[in-house]
Amino acid sequence: MEQYQLFIFVANIPLILIDAALGYHMAPRLLSGYEEELAQSVLQSTRSLLAAVVALYMFCNCLGYFQGNTLYLLIVTGLVLGDMGLQYWLVRRNDARKGNGPDKGDTP
């Protein structure tokens, strides 16, 4: 499994960046039902936390690679993919609650 460490390490980098981009763009959709002032405050906090999340994922990715720990790299990959899936699921659930899901023409 050690021969795949470089591939997993390199594949995690765009996955982490895609995860951050999804979080940046999906956060306003999750907060669309709140008051304007509260939503702006929470949105700004959420977007500033994305930098910390990306740094943490990248640090863990580098830690797993430079220690030669393939399992650690796979755990980071699983966390990033799980985070992306959870973001997508939350937006879909939020849209379904508001009644503007995929059957209404609004797809995430």
N, C-alpha and C. Protein backbone atom coordinates (compact mmCIF):
# COMPACT_ATOMS: atom_id res chain seq x y z
N MET A 1 0.81 -1.19 0.00
CA MET A 1 0.00 0.00 0.00
C MET A 1 0.86 1.27 0.00
N GLU A 2 2.12 1.14 0.38
CA GLU A 2 3.00 2.30 0.45
C GLU A 2 3.27 2.92 -0.91
N GLN A 3 3.14 2.14 -1.98
CA GLN A 3 3.40 2.69 -3.30
C GLN A 3 2.33 3.69 -3.72
N TYR A 4 1.20 3.74 -3.03
CA TYR A 4 0.12 4.66 -3.37
C TYR A 4 0.12 5.93 -2.51
N GLN A 5 1.08 6.06 -1.62
CA GLN A 5 1.09 7.22 -0.72
C GLN A 5 1.18 8.54 -1.47
N LEU A 6 2.06 8.62 -2.45
CA LEU A 6 2.21 9.87 -3.20
C LEU A 6 0.92 10.19 -3.96
N PHE A 7 0.32 9.18 -4.57
CA PHE A 7 -0.93 9.40 -5.31
C PHE A 7 -2.04 9.89 -4.37
N ILE A 8 -2.17 9.26 -3.22
CA ILE A 8 -3.21 9.67 -2.26
C ILE A 8 -2.94 11.09 -1.76
N PHE A 9 -1.67 11.38 -1.46
CA PHE A 9 -1.29 12.71 -0.99
C PHE A 9 -1.64 13.78 -2.02
N VAL A 10 -1.28 13.54 -3.28
CA VAL A 10 -1.54 14.51 -4.34
C VAL A 10 -3.04 14.61 -4.62
N ALA A 11 -3.77 13.50 -4.56
CA ALA A 11 -5.21 13.52 -4.82
C ALA A 11 -5.96 14.25 -3.70
N ASN A 12 -5.45 14.21 -2.50
CA ASN A 12 -6.11 14.90 -1.38
C ASN A 12 -6.07 16.42 -1.54
N ILE A 13 -5.04 16.94 -2.18
CA ILE A 13 -4.91 18.40 -2.31
C ILE A 13 -6.08 19.01 -3.07
N PRO A 14 -6.41 18.54 -4.30
CA PRO A 14 -7.59 19.13 -4.96
C PRO A 14 -8.90 18.79 -4.25
N LEU A 15 -8.97 17.62 -3.62
CA LEU A 15 -10.18 17.29 -2.87
C LEU A 15 -10.42 18.29 -1.75
N ILE A 16 -9.38 18.67 -1.05
CA ILE A 16 -9.50 19.63 0.04
C ILE A 16 -9.92 21.00 -0.50
N LEU A 17 -9.33 21.41 -1.62
CA LEU A 17 -9.69 22.70 -2.20
C LEU A 17 -11.12 22.71 -2.73
N ILE A 18 -11.55 21.60 -3.33
CA ILE A 18 -12.94 21.49 -3.80
C ILE A 18 -13.90 21.52 -2.61
N ASP A 19 -13.53 20.84 -1.54
CA ASP A 19 -14.36 20.85 -0.33
C ASP A 19 -14.52 22.27 0.20
N ALA A 20 -13.44 23.03 0.23
CA ALA A 20 -13.52 24.42 0.70
C ALA A 20 -14.38 25.27 -0.23
N ALA A 21 -14.24 25.06 -1.53
CA ALA A 21 -15.05 25.83 -2.49
C ALA A 21 -16.53 25.50 -2.33
N LEU A 22 -16.84 24.23 -2.14
CA LEU A 22 -18.24 23.85 -1.92
C LEU A 22 -18.78 24.49 -0.65
N GLY A 23 -17.99 24.46 0.41
CA GLY A 23 -18.43 25.08 1.66
C GLY A 23 -18.64 26.57 1.52
N TYR A 24 -17.77 27.22 0.76
CA TYR A 24 -17.88 28.67 0.56
C TYR A 24 -19.17 29.02 -0.19
N HIS A 25 -19.52 28.21 -1.17
CA HIS A 25 -20.69 28.52 -1.99
C HIS A 25 -21.99 27.94 -1.44
N MET A 26 -21.92 26.91 -0.63
CA MET A 26 -23.14 26.32 -0.09
C MET A 26 -23.59 26.97 1.22
N ALA A 27 -22.69 27.64 1.90
CA ALA A 27 -23.05 28.28 3.18
C ALA A 27 -24.20 29.28 3.03
N PRO A 28 -24.22 30.14 2.02
CA PRO A 28 -25.35 31.08 1.91
C PRO A 28 -26.69 30.37 1.69
N ARG A 29 -26.69 29.26 0.99
CA ARG A 29 -27.94 28.53 0.77
C ARG A 29 -28.46 27.92 2.06
N LEU A 30 -27.56 27.52 2.94
CA LEU A 30 -27.99 26.96 4.22
C LEU A 30 -28.56 28.03 5.14
N LEU A 31 -28.12 29.26 4.97
CA LEU A 31 -28.52 30.35 5.87
C LEU A 31 -29.60 31.24 5.27
N SER A 32 -30.20 30.83 4.19
CA SER A 32 -31.15 31.70 3.49
C SER A 32 -32.44 31.93 4.26
N GLY A 33 -32.77 31.12 5.24
CA GLY A 33 -34.01 31.29 5.99
C GLY A 33 -33.89 32.17 7.22
N TYR A 34 -32.70 32.65 7.52
CA TYR A 34 -32.48 33.45 8.72
C TYR A 34 -32.65 34.94 8.43
N GLU A 35 -32.70 35.73 9.51
CA GLU A 35 -32.74 37.18 9.36
C GLU A 35 -31.47 37.65 8.64
N GLU A 36 -31.59 38.73 7.92
CA GLU A 36 -30.48 39.22 7.09
C GLU A 36 -29.22 39.51 7.90
N GLU A 37 -29.36 40.22 9.01
CA GLU A 37 -28.20 40.60 9.81
C GLU A 37 -27.54 39.39 10.45
N LEU A 38 -28.34 38.49 10.99
CA LEU A 38 -27.81 37.28 11.61
C LEU A 38 -27.16 36.39 10.57
N ALA A 39 -27.78 36.25 9.42
CA ALA A 39 -27.23 35.40 8.36
C ALA A 39 -25.88 35.93 7.89
N GLN A 40 -25.74 37.25 7.76
CA GLN A 40 -24.47 37.82 7.32
C GLN A 40 -23.36 37.57 8.34
N SER A 41 -23.69 37.70 9.61
CA SER A 41 -22.71 37.46 10.66
C SER A 41 -22.26 36.00 10.68
N VAL A 42 -23.22 35.10 10.61
CA VAL A 42 -22.89 33.67 10.62
C VAL A 42 -22.14 33.28 9.35
N LEU A 43 -22.53 33.85 8.23
CA LEU A 43 -21.87 33.55 6.96
C LEU A 43 -20.42 34.00 6.98
N GLN A 44 -20.16 35.18 7.52
CA GLN A 44 -18.80 35.67 7.61
C GLN A 44 -17.96 34.78 8.53
N SER A 45 -18.52 34.35 9.65
CA SER A 45 -17.81 33.46 10.56
C SER A 45 -17.53 32.11 9.92
N THR A 46 -18.53 31.58 9.20
CA THR A 46 -18.37 30.28 8.55
C THR A 46 -17.28 30.34 7.49
N ARG A 47 -17.29 31.38 6.71
CA ARG A 47 -16.29 31.50 5.65
C ARG A 47 -14.89 31.72 6.21
N SER A 48 -14.77 32.40 7.34
CA SER A 48 -13.45 32.57 7.93
C SER A 48 -12.95 31.26 8.54
N LEU A 49 -13.86 30.42 9.00
CA LEU A 49 -13.46 29.12 9.54
C LEU A 49 -12.98 28.17 8.44
N LEU A 50 -13.40 28.40 7.21
CA LEU A 50 -12.97 27.54 6.11
C LEU A 50 -11.46 27.54 5.95
N ALA A 51 -10.83 28.68 6.17
CA ALA A 51 -9.37 28.74 6.08
C ALA A 51 -8.73 27.84 7.12
N ALA A 52 -9.28 27.83 8.32
CA ALA A 52 -8.74 26.97 9.37
C ALA A 52 -8.96 25.50 9.04
N VAL A 53 -10.11 25.17 8.47
CA VAL A 53 -10.40 23.78 8.12
C VAL A 53 -9.46 23.32 7.01
N VAL A 54 -9.24 24.17 6.00
CA VAL A 54 -8.32 23.81 4.92
C VAL A 54 -6.91 23.62 5.48
N ALA A 55 -6.47 24.51 6.35
CA ALA A 55 -5.14 24.38 6.94
C ALA A 55 -5.02 23.09 7.75
N LEU A 56 -6.05 22.75 8.49
CA LEU A 56 -6.03 21.52 9.28
C LEU A 56 -5.98 20.28 8.39
N TYR A 57 -6.82 20.26 7.35
CA TYR A 57 -6.80 19.12 6.42
C TYR A 57 -5.44 19.01 5.73
N MET A 58 -4.89 20.13 5.29
CA MET A 58 -3.59 20.10 4.61
C MET A 58 -2.48 19.66 5.57
N PHE A 59 -2.54 20.13 6.80
CA PHE A 59 -1.54 19.71 7.79
C PHE A 59 -1.62 18.21 8.02
N CYS A 60 -2.83 17.69 8.20
CA CYS A 60 -2.99 16.25 8.42
C CYS A 60 -2.56 15.45 7.19
N ASN A 61 -2.83 15.99 6.01
CA ASN A 61 -2.42 15.34 4.77
C ASN A 61 -0.89 15.26 4.70
N CYS A 62 -0.22 16.36 4.99
CA CYS A 62 1.25 16.38 4.98
C CYS A 62 1.82 15.49 6.07
N LEU A 63 1.20 15.52 7.23
CA LEU A 63 1.67 14.69 8.34
C LEU A 63 1.61 13.21 7.97
N GLY A 64 0.51 12.79 7.38
CA GLY A 64 0.39 11.39 6.96
C GLY A 64 1.40 11.02 5.90
N TYR A 65 1.64 11.93 4.96
CA TYR A 65 2.58 11.62 3.88
C TYR A 65 4.02 11.55 4.38
N PHE A 66 4.44 12.56 5.12
CA PHE A 66 5.84 12.62 5.53
C PHE A 66 6.17 11.62 6.64
N GLN A 67 5.17 11.12 7.34
CA GLN A 67 5.42 10.04 8.29
C GLN A 67 5.31 8.68 7.62
N GLY A 68 4.86 8.66 6.38
CA GLY A 68 4.73 7.40 5.66
C GLY A 68 3.57 6.56 6.15
N ASN A 69 2.52 7.20 6.63
CA ASN A 69 1.38 6.49 7.20
C ASN A 69 0.22 6.51 6.21
N THR A 70 0.08 5.42 5.46
CA THR A 70 -0.96 5.34 4.44
C THR A 70 -2.35 5.36 5.06
N LEU A 71 -2.52 4.70 6.18
CA LEU A 71 -3.83 4.68 6.84
C LEU A 71 -4.26 6.10 7.23
N TYR A 72 -3.33 6.89 7.71
CA TYR A 72 -3.63 8.28 8.07
C TYR A 72 -4.07 9.08 6.85
N LEU A 73 -3.40 8.87 5.73
CA LEU A 73 -3.79 9.54 4.49
C LEU A 73 -5.19 9.13 4.06
N LEU A 74 -5.51 7.85 4.20
CA LEU A 74 -6.84 7.37 3.83
C LEU A 74 -7.91 7.91 4.77
N ILE A 75 -7.57 8.08 6.03
CA ILE A 75 -8.52 8.68 6.98
C ILE A 75 -8.80 10.13 6.60
N VAL A 76 -7.75 10.88 6.22
CA VAL A 76 -7.93 12.26 5.78
C VAL A 76 -8.81 12.30 4.53
N THR A 77 -8.57 11.39 3.59
CA THR A 77 -9.39 11.32 2.38
C THR A 77 -10.84 11.04 2.74
N GLY A 78 -11.07 10.11 3.65
CA GLY A 78 -12.43 9.79 4.08
C GLY A 78 -13.11 10.96 4.75
N LEU A 79 -12.38 11.70 5.59
CA LEU A 79 -12.95 12.88 6.25
C LEU A 79 -13.34 13.95 5.24
N VAL A 80 -12.49 14.18 4.26
CA VAL A 80 -12.78 15.21 3.26
C VAL A 80 -13.98 14.79 2.42
N LEU A 81 -14.01 13.54 1.98
CA LEU A 81 -15.15 13.07 1.19
C LEU A 81 -16.44 13.07 2.02
N GLY A 82 -16.33 12.70 3.29
CA GLY A 82 -17.49 12.75 4.17
C GLY A 82 -17.98 14.17 4.38
N ASP A 83 -17.07 15.11 4.52
CA ASP A 83 -17.43 16.51 4.67
C ASP A 83 -18.14 17.02 3.42
N MET A 84 -17.63 16.66 2.25
CA MET A 84 -18.28 17.08 1.00
C MET A 84 -19.67 16.48 0.88
N GLY A 85 -19.79 15.21 1.21
CA GLY A 85 -21.10 14.55 1.14
C GLY A 85 -22.09 15.14 2.13
N LEU A 86 -21.62 15.46 3.32
CA LEU A 86 -22.50 16.05 4.33
C LEU A 86 -22.97 17.44 3.91
N GLN A 87 -22.08 18.22 3.33
CA GLN A 87 -22.48 19.54 2.84
C GLN A 87 -23.57 19.41 1.78
N TYR A 88 -23.38 18.51 0.85
CA TYR A 88 -24.36 18.31 -0.22
C TYR A 88 -25.69 17.84 0.37
N TRP A 89 -25.63 16.91 1.31
CA TRP A 89 -26.85 16.39 1.92
C TRP A 89 -27.60 17.49 2.69
N LEU A 90 -26.87 18.33 3.43
CA LEU A 90 -27.52 19.41 4.18
C LEU A 90 -28.21 20.40 3.26
N VAL A 91 -27.59 20.73 2.15
CA VAL A 91 -28.21 21.66 1.21
C VAL A 91 -29.45 21.04 0.59
N ARG A 92 -29.37 19.77 0.22
CA ARG A 92 -30.54 19.09 -0.36
C ARG A 92 -31.68 19.02 0.65
N ARG A 93 -31.36 18.70 1.89
CA ARG A 93 -32.39 18.62 2.93
C ARG A 93 -33.01 19.99 3.19
N ASN A 94 -32.18 21.02 3.22
CA ASN A 94 -32.66 22.38 3.42
C ASN A 94 -33.57 22.81 2.27
N ASP A 95 -33.19 22.48 1.04
CA ASP A 95 -34.02 22.81 -0.12
C ASP A 95 -35.34 22.05 -0.09
N ALA A 96 -35.30 20.80 0.33
CA ALA A 96 -36.53 20.01 0.38
C ALA A 96 -37.49 20.56 1.43
N ARG A 97 -36.96 21.05 2.53
CA ARG A 97 -37.81 21.65 3.57
C ARG A 97 -38.49 22.92 3.09
N LYS A 98 -37.77 23.68 2.28
CA LYS A 98 -38.33 24.94 1.80
C LYS A 98 -39.22 24.74 0.58
N GLY A 99 -39.24 23.54 0.04
CA GLY A 99 -40.11 23.25 -1.09
C GLY A 99 -39.57 23.67 -2.43
N ASN A 100 -38.27 23.90 -2.54
CA ASN A 100 -37.70 24.24 -3.85
C ASN A 100 -36.57 23.27 -4.20
N GLY A 101 -36.89 22.00 -4.10
CA GLY A 101 -35.93 20.95 -4.40
C GLY A 101 -35.78 20.73 -5.89
N PRO A 102 -35.21 19.59 -6.28
CA PRO A 102 -34.94 19.32 -7.69
C PRO A 102 -36.20 19.22 -8.53
N ASP A 103 -37.32 18.83 -7.92
CA ASP A 103 -38.55 18.73 -8.70
C ASP A 103 -39.15 20.10 -9.00
N LYS A 104 -38.65 21.14 -8.35
CA LYS A 104 -39.14 22.50 -8.59
C LYS A 104 -38.23 23.28 -9.55
N GLY A 105 -37.20 22.61 -10.06
CA GLY A 105 -36.32 23.26 -11.01
C GLY A 105 -35.06 23.86 -10.41
N ASP A 106 -34.93 23.85 -9.10
CA ASP A 106 -33.75 24.40 -8.45
C ASP A 106 -32.86 23.26 -8.01
N THR A 107 -31.79 23.03 -8.73
CA THR A 107 -30.88 21.95 -8.37
C THR A 107 -29.63 22.54 -7.76
N PRO A 108 -29.08 21.89 -6.72
CA PRO A 108 -27.88 22.43 -6.08
C PRO A 108 -26.65 22.22 -6.91
